[in-house]
PDB file of N, CA and C in Angstrom:
ATOM      1  N   UNK A   1      -4.731  46.053 174.415  1.00  0.00           N
ATOM      2  CA  UNK A   1      -3.853  44.925 174.594  1.00  0.00           C
ATOM      3  C   UNK A   1      -4.617  43.600 174.472  1.00  0.00           C
ATOM      4  N   UNK A   2      -5.847  43.546 174.971  1.00  0.00           N
ATOM      5  CA  UNK A   2      -6.597  42.299 174.889  1.00  0.00           C
ATOM      6  C   UNK A   2      -6.904  41.915 173.448  1.00  0.00           C
ATOM      7  N   UNK A   3      -6.988  42.871 172.544  1.00  0.00           N
ATOM      8  CA  UNK A   3      -7.235  42.568 171.144  1.00  0.00           C
ATOM      9  C   UNK A   3      -6.067  41.785 170.541  1.00  0.00           C
ATOM     10  N   UNK A   4      -4.870  42.048 170.986  1.00  0.00           N
ATOM     11  CA  UNK A   4      -3.715  41.315 170.485  1.00  0.00           C
ATOM     12  C   UNK A   4      -3.647  39.917 171.091  1.00  0.00           C
ATOM     13  N   UNK A   5      -4.115  39.767 172.300  1.00  0.00           N
ATOM     14  CA  UNK A   5      -4.066  38.479 172.980  1.00  0.00           C
ATOM     15  C   UNK A   5      -5.140  37.546 172.430  1.00  0.00           C
ATOM     16  N   UNK A   6      -6.324  38.051 172.134  1.00  0.00           N
ATOM     17  CA  UNK A   6      -7.443  37.204 171.711  1.00  0.00           C
ATOM     18  C   UNK A   6      -7.112  36.310 170.519  1.00  0.00           C
ATOM     19  N   UNK A   7      -6.604  36.854 169.411  1.00  0.00           N
ATOM     20  CA  UNK A   7      -6.286  35.965 168.281  1.00  0.00           C
ATOM     21  C   UNK A   7      -5.229  34.918 168.648  1.00  0.00           C
ATOM     22  N   UNK A   8      -4.254  35.318 169.441  1.00  0.00           N
ATOM     23  CA  UNK A   8      -3.227  34.367 169.860  1.00  0.00           C
ATOM     24  C   UNK A   8      -3.834  33.277 170.724  1.00  0.00           C
ATOM     25  N   UNK A   9      -4.690  33.671 171.636  1.00  0.00           N
ATOM     26  CA  UNK A   9      -5.301  32.742 172.571  1.00  0.00           C
ATOM     27  C   UNK A   9      -6.207  31.741 171.848  1.00  0.00           C
ATOM     28  N   UNK A  10      -6.931  32.194 170.845  1.00  0.00           N
ATOM     29  CA  UNK A  10      -7.836  31.308 170.112  1.00  0.00           C
ATOM     30  C   UNK A  10      -7.131  30.562 168.988  1.00  0.00           C
ATOM     31  N   UNK A  11      -5.929  30.998 168.635  1.00  0.00           N
ATOM     32  CA  UNK A  11      -5.208  30.367 167.542  1.00  0.00           C
ATOM     33  C   UNK A  11      -5.686  30.842 166.177  1.00  0.00           C
ATOM     34  N   UNK A  12      -6.432  31.933 166.142  1.00  0.00           N
ATOM     35  CA  UNK A  12      -6.967  32.449 164.886  1.00  0.00           C
ATOM     36  C   UNK A  12      -6.376  33.825 164.616  1.00  0.00           C
ATOM     37  N   UNK A  13      -6.100  34.077 163.344  1.00  0.00           N
ATOM     38  CA  UNK A  13      -5.633  35.403 162.997  1.00  0.00           C
ATOM     39  C   UNK A  13      -6.829  36.297 162.683  1.00  0.00           C
ATOM     40  N   UNK A  14      -6.559  37.553 162.447  1.00  0.00           N
ATOM     41  CA  UNK A  14      -7.635  38.526 162.222  1.00  0.00           C
ATOM     42  C   UNK A  14      -8.462  38.169 160.989  1.00  0.00           C
ATOM     43  N   UNK A  15      -7.812  37.700 159.920  1.00  0.00           N
ATOM     44  CA  UNK A  15      -8.540  37.336 158.705  1.00  0.00           C
ATOM     45  C   UNK A  15      -9.484  36.168 158.962  1.00  0.00           C
ATOM     46  N   UNK A  16      -9.020  35.164 159.694  1.00  0.00           N
ATOM     47  CA  UNK A  16      -9.879  34.020 160.017  1.00  0.00           C
ATOM     48  C   UNK A  16     -11.080  34.462 160.844  1.00  0.00           C
ATOM     49  N   UNK A  17     -10.852  35.350 161.794  1.00  0.00           N
ATOM     50  CA  UNK A  17     -11.944  35.836 162.631  1.00  0.00           C
ATOM     51  C   UNK A  17     -12.932  36.640 161.791  1.00  0.00           C
ATOM     52  N   UNK A  18     -12.441  37.466 160.870  1.00  0.00           N
ATOM     53  CA  UNK A  18     -13.318  38.247 159.996  1.00  0.00           C
ATOM     54  C   UNK A  18     -14.095  37.335 159.046  1.00  0.00           C
ATOM     55  N   UNK A  19     -13.437  36.304 158.522  1.00  0.00           N
ATOM     56  CA  UNK A  19     -14.114  35.350 157.638  1.00  0.00           C
ATOM     57  C   UNK A  19     -15.232  34.622 158.385  1.00  0.00           C
ATOM     58  N   UNK A  20     -14.959  34.229 159.622  1.00  0.00           N
ATOM     59  CA  UNK A  20     -15.983  33.554 160.415  1.00  0.00           C
ATOM     60  C   UNK A  20     -17.170  34.480 160.667  1.00  0.00           C
ATOM     61  N   UNK A  21     -16.878  35.735 160.981  1.00  0.00           N
ATOM     62  CA  UNK A  21     -17.949  36.693 161.236  1.00  0.00           C
ATOM     63  C   UNK A  21     -18.767  36.924 159.967  1.00  0.00           C
ATOM     64  N   UNK A  22     -18.093  37.008 158.830  1.00  0.00           N
ATOM     65  CA  UNK A  22     -18.800  37.187 157.555  1.00  0.00           C
ATOM     66  C   UNK A  22     -19.706  35.994 157.274  1.00  0.00           C
ATOM     67  N   UNK A  23     -19.187  34.780 157.496  1.00  0.00           N
ATOM     68  CA  UNK A  23     -19.981  33.573 157.294  1.00  0.00           C
ATOM     69  C   UNK A  23     -21.202  33.557 158.212  1.00  0.00           C
ATOM     70  N   UNK A  24     -21.000  33.943 159.466  1.00  0.00           N
ATOM     71  CA  UNK A  24     -22.115  33.979 160.409  1.00  0.00           C
ATOM     72  C   UNK A  24     -23.166  34.992 159.976  1.00  0.00           C
ATOM     73  N   UNK A  25     -22.730  36.151 159.500  1.00  0.00           N
ATOM     74  CA  UNK A  25     -23.684  37.180 159.075  1.00  0.00           C
ATOM     75  C   UNK A  25     -24.462  36.719 157.843  1.00  0.00           C
ATOM     76  N   UNK A  26     -23.789  36.036 156.929  1.00  0.00           N
ATOM     77  CA  UNK A  26     -24.484  35.509 155.747  1.00  0.00           C
ATOM     78  C   UNK A  26     -25.506  34.447 156.144  1.00  0.00           C
ATOM     79  N   UNK A  27     -25.135  33.578 157.069  1.00  0.00           N
ATOM     80  CA  UNK A  27     -26.069  32.565 157.541  1.00  0.00           C
ATOM     81  C   UNK A  27     -27.239  33.222 158.262  1.00  0.00           C
ATOM     82  N   UNK A  28     -26.963  34.239 159.043  1.00  0.00           N
ATOM     83  CA  UNK A  28     -28.023  34.957 159.740  1.00  0.00           C
ATOM     84  C   UNK A  28     -29.020  35.551 158.752  1.00  0.00           C
ATOM     85  N   UNK A  29     -28.522  36.128 157.659  1.00  0.00           N
ATOM     86  CA  UNK A  29     -29.413  36.690 156.642  1.00  0.00           C
ATOM     87  C   UNK A  29     -30.249  35.586 155.986  1.00  0.00           C
ATOM     88  N   UNK A  30     -29.639  34.442 155.736  1.00  0.00           N
ATOM     89  CA  UNK A  30     -30.368  33.314 155.160  1.00  0.00           C
ATOM     90  C   UNK A  30     -31.463  32.822 156.110  1.00  0.00           C
ATOM     91  N   UNK A  31     -31.159  32.799 157.391  1.00  0.00           N
ATOM     92  CA  UNK A  31     -32.145  32.372 158.385  1.00  0.00           C
ATOM     93  C   UNK A  31     -33.324  33.344 158.396  1.00  0.00           C
ATOM     94  N   UNK A  32     -33.036  34.618 158.380  1.00  0.00           N
ATOM     95  CA  UNK A  32     -34.111  35.618 158.374  1.00  0.00           C
ATOM     96  C   UNK A  32     -34.958  35.493 157.114  1.00  0.00           C
ATOM     97  N   UNK A  33     -34.315  35.292 155.979  1.00  0.00           N
ATOM     98  CA  UNK A  33     -35.032  35.141 154.710  1.00  0.00           C
ATOM     99  C   UNK A  33     -35.897  33.875 154.739  1.00  0.00           C
ATOM    100  N   UNK A  34     -35.329  32.781 155.241  1.00  0.00           N
ATOM    101  CA  UNK A  34     -36.065  31.522 155.314  1.00  0.00           C
ATOM    102  C   UNK A  34     -37.274  31.653 156.250  1.00  0.00           C
ATOM    103  N   UNK A  35     -37.106  32.387 157.328  1.00  0.00           N
ATOM    104  CA  UNK A  35     -38.219  32.578 158.257  1.00  0.00           C
ATOM    105  C   UNK A  35     -39.341  33.377 157.593  1.00  0.00           C
ATOM    106  N   UNK A  36     -38.971  34.432 156.876  1.00  0.00           N
ATOM    107  CA  UNK A  36     -39.986  35.216 156.153  1.00  0.00           C
ATOM    108  C   UNK A  36     -40.724  34.338 155.145  1.00  0.00           C
ATOM    109  N   UNK A  37     -39.984  33.509 154.416  1.00  0.00           N
ATOM    110  CA  UNK A  37     -40.600  32.614 153.438  1.00  0.00           C
ATOM    111  C   UNK A  37     -41.546  31.635 154.115  1.00  0.00           C
ATOM    112  N   UNK A  38     -41.184  31.170 155.291  1.00  0.00           N
ATOM    113  CA  UNK A  38     -42.022  30.255 156.053  1.00  0.00           C
ATOM    114  C   UNK A  38     -43.323  30.943 156.469  1.00  0.00           C
ATOM    115  N   UNK A  39     -43.205  32.162 156.963  1.00  0.00           N
ATOM    116  CA  UNK A  39     -44.384  32.926 157.383  1.00  0.00           C
ATOM    117  C   UNK A  39     -45.303  33.180 156.187  1.00  0.00           C
ATOM    118  N   UNK A  40     -44.724  33.565 155.053  1.00  0.00           N
ATOM    119  CA  UNK A  40     -45.516  33.821 153.845  1.00  0.00           C
ATOM    120  C   UNK A  40     -46.217  32.542 153.389  1.00  0.00           C
ATOM    121  N   UNK A  41     -45.514  31.417 153.401  1.00  0.00           N
ATOM    122  CA  UNK A  41     -46.106  30.146 152.983  1.00  0.00           C
ATOM    123  C   UNK A  41     -47.265  29.764 153.901  1.00  0.00           C
ATOM    124  N   UNK A  42     -47.107  30.025 155.175  1.00  0.00           N
ATOM    125  CA  UNK A  42     -48.180  29.709 156.129  1.00  0.00           C
ATOM    126  C   UNK A  42     -49.402  30.587 155.867  1.00  0.00           C
ATOM    127  N   UNK A  43     -49.165  31.864 155.644  1.00  0.00           N
ATOM    128  CA  UNK A  43     -50.282  32.771 155.372  1.00  0.00           C
ATOM    129  C   UNK A  43     -50.958  32.413 154.051  1.00  0.00           C
ATOM    130  N   UNK A  44     -50.171  32.041 153.060  1.00  0.00           N
ATOM    131  CA  UNK A  44     -50.735  31.623 151.771  1.00  0.00           C
ATOM    132  C   UNK A  44     -51.630  30.398 151.968  1.00  0.00           C
ATOM    133  N   UNK A  45     -51.163  29.459 152.771  1.00  0.00           N
ATOM    134  CA  UNK A  45     -51.936  28.250 153.040  1.00  0.00           C
ATOM    135  C   UNK A  45     -53.294  28.587 153.666  1.00  0.00           C
ATOM    136  N   UNK A  46     -53.339  29.604 154.508  1.00  0.00           N
ATOM    137  CA  UNK A  46     -54.582  29.996 155.183  1.00  0.00           C
ATOM    138  C   UNK A  46     -55.656  30.477 154.207  1.00  0.00           C
ATOM    139  N   UNK A  47     -55.267  30.894 152.988  1.00  0.00           N
ATOM    140  CA  UNK A  47     -56.222  31.502 152.075  1.00  0.00           C
ATOM    141  C   UNK A  47     -56.499  30.712 150.800  1.00  0.00           C
ATOM    142  N   UNK A  48     -55.950  29.525 150.670  1.00  0.00           N
ATOM    143  CA  UNK A  48     -56.188  28.750 149.449  1.00  0.00           C
ATOM    144  C   UNK A  48     -57.546  28.058 149.516  1.00  0.00           C
ATOM    145  N   UNK A  49     -58.130  27.800 148.339  1.00  0.00           N
ATOM    146  CA  UNK A  49     -59.445  27.169 148.304  1.00  0.00           C
ATOM    147  C   UNK A  49     -59.492  25.941 147.393  1.00  0.00           C
ATOM    148  N   UNK A  50     -58.829  25.988 146.253  1.00  0.00           N
ATOM    149  CA  UNK A  50     -58.857  24.856 145.323  1.00  0.00           C
ATOM    150  C   UNK A  50     -57.931  23.744 145.792  1.00  0.00           C
ATOM    151  N   UNK A  51     -58.291  22.508 145.404  1.00  0.00           N
ATOM    152  CA  UNK A  51     -57.476  21.358 145.782  1.00  0.00           C
ATOM    153  C   UNK A  51     -56.040  21.500 145.282  1.00  0.00           C
ATOM    154  N   UNK A  52     -55.878  21.952 144.040  1.00  0.00           N
ATOM    155  CA  UNK A  52     -54.532  22.124 143.486  1.00  0.00           C
ATOM    156  C   UNK A  52     -53.757  23.186 144.262  1.00  0.00           C
ATOM    157  N   UNK A  53     -54.428  24.239 144.654  1.00  0.00           N
ATOM    158  CA  UNK A  53     -53.768  25.279 145.446  1.00  0.00           C
ATOM    159  C   UNK A  53     -53.383  24.742 146.818  1.00  0.00           C
ATOM    160  N   UNK A  54     -54.244  23.924 147.381  1.00  0.00           N
ATOM    161  CA  UNK A  54     -53.954  23.345 148.699  1.00  0.00           C
ATOM    162  C   UNK A  54     -52.718  22.449 148.615  1.00  0.00           C
ATOM    163  N   UNK A  55     -52.655  21.614 147.588  1.00  0.00           N
ATOM    164  CA  UNK A  55     -51.491  20.732 147.417  1.00  0.00           C
ATOM    165  C   UNK A  55     -50.209  21.552 147.294  1.00  0.00           C
ATOM    166  N   UNK A  56     -50.250  22.599 146.468  1.00  0.00           N
ATOM    167  CA  UNK A  56     -49.069  23.434 146.294  1.00  0.00           C
ATOM    168  C   UNK A  56     -48.719  24.148 147.592  1.00  0.00           C
ATOM    169  N   UNK A  57     -49.720  24.665 148.295  1.00  0.00           N
ATOM    170  CA  UNK A  57     -49.481  25.393 149.543  1.00  0.00           C
ATOM    171  C   UNK A  57     -48.844  24.481 150.590  1.00  0.00           C
ATOM    172  N   UNK A  58     -49.309  23.229 150.654  1.00  0.00           N
ATOM    173  CA  UNK A  58     -48.715  22.276 151.602  1.00  0.00           C
ATOM    174  C   UNK A  58     -47.264  22.008 151.234  1.00  0.00           C
ATOM    175  N   UNK A  59     -47.011  21.784 149.950  1.00  0.00           N
ATOM    176  CA  UNK A  59     -45.649  21.539 149.490  1.00  0.00           C
ATOM    177  C   UNK A  59     -44.743  22.733 149.821  1.00  0.00           C
ATOM    178  N   UNK A  60     -45.202  23.942 149.516  1.00  0.00           N
ATOM    179  CA  UNK A  60     -44.405  25.151 149.764  1.00  0.00           C
ATOM    180  C   UNK A  60     -44.168  25.353 151.255  1.00  0.00           C
ATOM    181  N   UNK A  61     -45.196  25.111 152.057  1.00  0.00           N
ATOM    182  CA  UNK A  61     -45.067  25.270 153.505  1.00  0.00           C
ATOM    183  C   UNK A  61     -44.073  24.272 154.085  1.00  0.00           C
ATOM    184  N   UNK A  62     -44.169  23.026 153.673  1.00  0.00           N
ATOM    185  CA  UNK A  62     -43.240  22.012 154.169  1.00  0.00           C
ATOM    186  C   UNK A  62     -41.811  22.307 153.739  1.00  0.00           C
ATOM    187  N   UNK A  63     -41.630  22.740 152.501  1.00  0.00           N
ATOM    188  CA  UNK A  63     -40.282  23.059 152.014  1.00  0.00           C
ATOM    189  C   UNK A  63     -39.695  24.236 152.779  1.00  0.00           C
ATOM    190  N   UNK A  64     -40.497  25.267 153.000  1.00  0.00           N
ATOM    191  CA  UNK A  64     -40.021  26.451 153.733  1.00  0.00           C
ATOM    192  C   UNK A  64     -39.666  26.077 155.170  1.00  0.00           C
ATOM    193  N   UNK A  65     -40.494  25.253 155.780  1.00  0.00           N
ATOM    194  CA  UNK A  65     -40.241  24.831 157.155  1.00  0.00           C
ATOM    195  C   UNK A  65     -38.955  24.013 157.247  1.00  0.00           C
ATOM    196  N   UNK A  66     -38.760  23.085 156.329  1.00  0.00           N
ATOM    197  CA  UNK A  66     -37.551  22.245 156.334  1.00  0.00           C
ATOM    198  C   UNK A  66     -36.294  23.093 156.149  1.00  0.00           C
ATOM    199  N   UNK A  67     -36.358  24.050 155.237  1.00  0.00           N
ATOM    200  CA  UNK A  67     -35.200  24.919 154.990  1.00  0.00           C
ATOM    201  C   UNK A  67     -34.860  25.731 156.237  1.00  0.00           C
ATOM    202  N   UNK A  68     -35.881  26.309 156.853  1.00  0.00           N
ATOM    203  CA  UNK A  68     -35.678  27.106 158.059  1.00  0.00           C
ATOM    204  C   UNK A  68     -35.072  26.251 159.178  1.00  0.00           C
ATOM    205  N   UNK A  69     -35.621  25.063 159.386  1.00  0.00           N
ATOM    206  CA  UNK A  69     -35.101  24.182 160.426  1.00  0.00           C
ATOM    207  C   UNK A  69     -33.660  23.770 160.154  1.00  0.00           C
ATOM    208  N   UNK A  70     -33.339  23.512 158.888  1.00  0.00           N
ATOM    209  CA  UNK A  70     -31.974  23.137 158.521  1.00  0.00           C
ATOM    210  C   UNK A  70     -30.996  24.268 158.854  1.00  0.00           C
ATOM    211  N   UNK A  71     -31.383  25.496 158.539  1.00  0.00           N
ATOM    212  CA  UNK A  71     -30.518  26.639 158.816  1.00  0.00           C
ATOM    213  C   UNK A  71     -30.363  26.867 160.317  1.00  0.00           C
ATOM    214  N   UNK A  72     -31.421  26.651 161.077  1.00  0.00           N
ATOM    215  CA  UNK A  72     -31.344  26.776 162.536  1.00  0.00           C
ATOM    216  C   UNK A  72     -30.362  25.739 163.095  1.00  0.00           C
ATOM    217  N   UNK A  73     -30.465  24.502 162.605  1.00  0.00           N
ATOM    218  CA  UNK A  73     -29.522  23.465 163.061  1.00  0.00           C
ATOM    219  C   UNK A  73     -28.081  23.843 162.712  1.00  0.00           C
ATOM    220  N   UNK A  74     -27.892  24.407 161.524  1.00  0.00           N
ATOM    221  CA  UNK A  74     -26.553  24.829 161.120  1.00  0.00           C
ATOM    222  C   UNK A  74     -26.026  25.917 162.054  1.00  0.00           C
ATOM    223  N   UNK A  75     -26.876  26.857 162.411  1.00  0.00           N
ATOM    224  CA  UNK A  75     -26.473  27.923 163.334  1.00  0.00           C
ATOM    225  C   UNK A  75     -26.121  27.352 164.699  1.00  0.00           C
ATOM    226  N   UNK A  76     -26.867  26.382 165.150  1.00  0.00           N
ATOM    227  CA  UNK A  76     -26.572  25.749 166.438  1.00  0.00           C
ATOM    228  C   UNK A  76     -25.235  25.033 166.399  1.00  0.00           C
ATOM    229  N   UNK A  77     -24.943  24.359 165.274  1.00  0.00           N
ATOM    230  CA  UNK A  77     -23.645  23.677 165.137  1.00  0.00           C
ATOM    231  C   UNK A  77     -22.496  24.679 165.189  1.00  0.00           C
ATOM    232  N   UNK A  78     -22.744  25.890 164.664  1.00  0.00           N
ATOM    233  CA  UNK A  78     -21.720  26.936 164.687  1.00  0.00           C
ATOM    234  C   UNK A  78     -21.719  27.704 166.001  1.00  0.00           C
ATOM    235  N   UNK A  79     -22.597  27.286 166.918  1.00  0.00           N
ATOM    236  CA  UNK A  79     -22.687  27.890 168.247  1.00  0.00           C
ATOM    237  C   UNK A  79     -23.028  29.379 168.189  1.00  0.00           C
ATOM    238  N   UNK A  80     -24.045  29.704 167.383  1.00  0.00           N
ATOM    239  CA  UNK A  80     -24.540  31.080 167.346  1.00  0.00           C
ATOM    240  C   UNK A  80     -25.061  31.462 168.717  1.00  0.00           C
ATOM    241  N   UNK A  81     -24.922  32.744 169.031  1.00  0.00           N
ATOM    242  CA  UNK A  81     -25.465  33.275 170.284  1.00  0.00           C
ATOM    243  C   UNK A  81     -26.248  34.539 169.969  1.00  0.00           C
ATOM    244  N   UNK A  82     -26.950  35.045 170.967  1.00  0.00           N
ATOM    245  CA  UNK A  82     -27.700  36.287 170.786  1.00  0.00           C
ATOM    246  C   UNK A  82     -26.745  37.433 170.432  1.00  0.00           C
ATOM    247  N   UNK A  83     -25.518  37.385 170.915  1.00  0.00           N
ATOM    248  CA  UNK A  83     -24.558  38.447 170.600  1.00  0.00           C
ATOM    249  C   UNK A  83     -24.142  38.432 169.134  1.00  0.00           C
ATOM    250  N   UNK A  84     -24.372  37.306 168.452  1.00  0.00           N
ATOM    251  CA  UNK A  84     -24.112  37.233 167.016  1.00  0.00           C
ATOM    252  C   UNK A  84     -25.253  37.853 166.221  1.00  0.00           C
ATOM    253  N   UNK A  85     -26.290  38.285 166.912  1.00  0.00           N
ATOM    254  CA  UNK A  85     -27.443  38.861 166.238  1.00  0.00           C
ATOM    255  C   UNK A  85     -28.502  37.830 165.932  1.00  0.00           C
ATOM    256  N   UNK A  86     -28.350  36.646 166.479  1.00  0.00           N
ATOM    257  CA  UNK A  86     -29.281  35.561 166.202  1.00  0.00           C
ATOM    258  C   UNK A  86     -30.135  35.305 167.422  1.00  0.00           C
ATOM    259  N   UNK A  87     -31.420  35.479 167.267  1.00  0.00           N
ATOM    260  CA  UNK A  87     -32.362  35.083 168.303  1.00  0.00           C
ATOM    261  C   UNK A  87     -33.458  34.299 167.622  1.00  0.00           C
ATOM    262  N   UNK A  88     -33.638  33.084 168.056  1.00  0.00           N
ATOM    263  CA  UNK A  88     -34.638  32.207 167.445  1.00  0.00           C
ATOM    264  C   UNK A  88     -35.991  32.500 168.071  1.00  0.00           C
ATOM    265  N   UNK A  89     -36.983  32.762 167.224  1.00  0.00           N
ATOM    266  CA  UNK A  89     -38.338  32.957 167.694  1.00  0.00           C
ATOM    267  C   UNK A  89     -39.206  31.864 167.115  1.00  0.00           C
ATOM    268  N   UNK A  90     -40.043  31.276 167.951  1.00  0.00           N
ATOM    269  CA  UNK A  90     -40.954  30.271 167.413  1.00  0.00           C
ATOM    270  C   UNK A  90     -41.874  30.885 166.375  1.00  0.00           C
ATOM    271  N   UNK A  91     -42.442  30.062 165.530  1.00  0.00           N
ATOM    272  CA  UNK A  91     -43.297  30.513 164.427  1.00  0.00           C
ATOM    273  C   UNK A  91     -44.388  31.464 164.887  1.00  0.00           C
ATOM    274  N   UNK A  92     -45.061  31.156 165.957  1.00  0.00           N
ATOM    275  CA  UNK A  92     -46.180  31.976 166.410  1.00  0.00           C
ATOM    276  C   UNK A  92     -45.757  33.309 166.993  1.00  0.00           C
ATOM    277  N   UNK A  93     -44.487  33.493 167.296  1.00  0.00           N
ATOM    278  CA  UNK A  93     -44.023  34.718 167.954  1.00  0.00           C
ATOM    279  C   UNK A  93     -43.761  35.855 166.985  1.00  0.00           C
ATOM    280  N   UNK A  94     -43.906  35.624 165.698  1.00  0.00           N
ATOM    281  CA  UNK A  94     -43.563  36.643 164.715  1.00  0.00           C
ATOM    282  C   UNK A  94     -44.787  37.282 164.089  1.00  0.00           C
ATOM    283  N   UNK A  95     -45.846  37.316 164.793  1.00  0.00           N
ATOM    284  CA  UNK A  95     -47.025  37.980 164.289  1.00  0.00           C
ATOM    285  C   UNK A  95     -47.774  37.215 163.217  1.00  0.00           C
ATOM    286  N   UNK A  96     -47.573  35.902 163.184  1.00  0.00           N
ATOM    287  CA  UNK A  96     -48.287  35.118 162.184  1.00  0.00           C
ATOM    288  C   UNK A  96     -49.633  34.685 162.693  1.00  0.00           C
TER     289      UNK A  96
END
């Protein structure tokens, strides 16, 4: 019975709720991908030696970091919670 009340109470139908969940899951996947890219860019930066490689590594690291932060802000605006499968871990907490 509560399943029938929930959509009425929130003013959303089942399709809207499913669309929102799909959007959240897609954003969650993007966040995970962006975090992996950030970790890889950081590790790449640790091993560069040439000046040109250093410049590129800095650029890649900054871009990856900005993208990840942007996606985190977007998730916060959408009020993601741990129950949505989203748990934010600081950079150092992921084995980097």
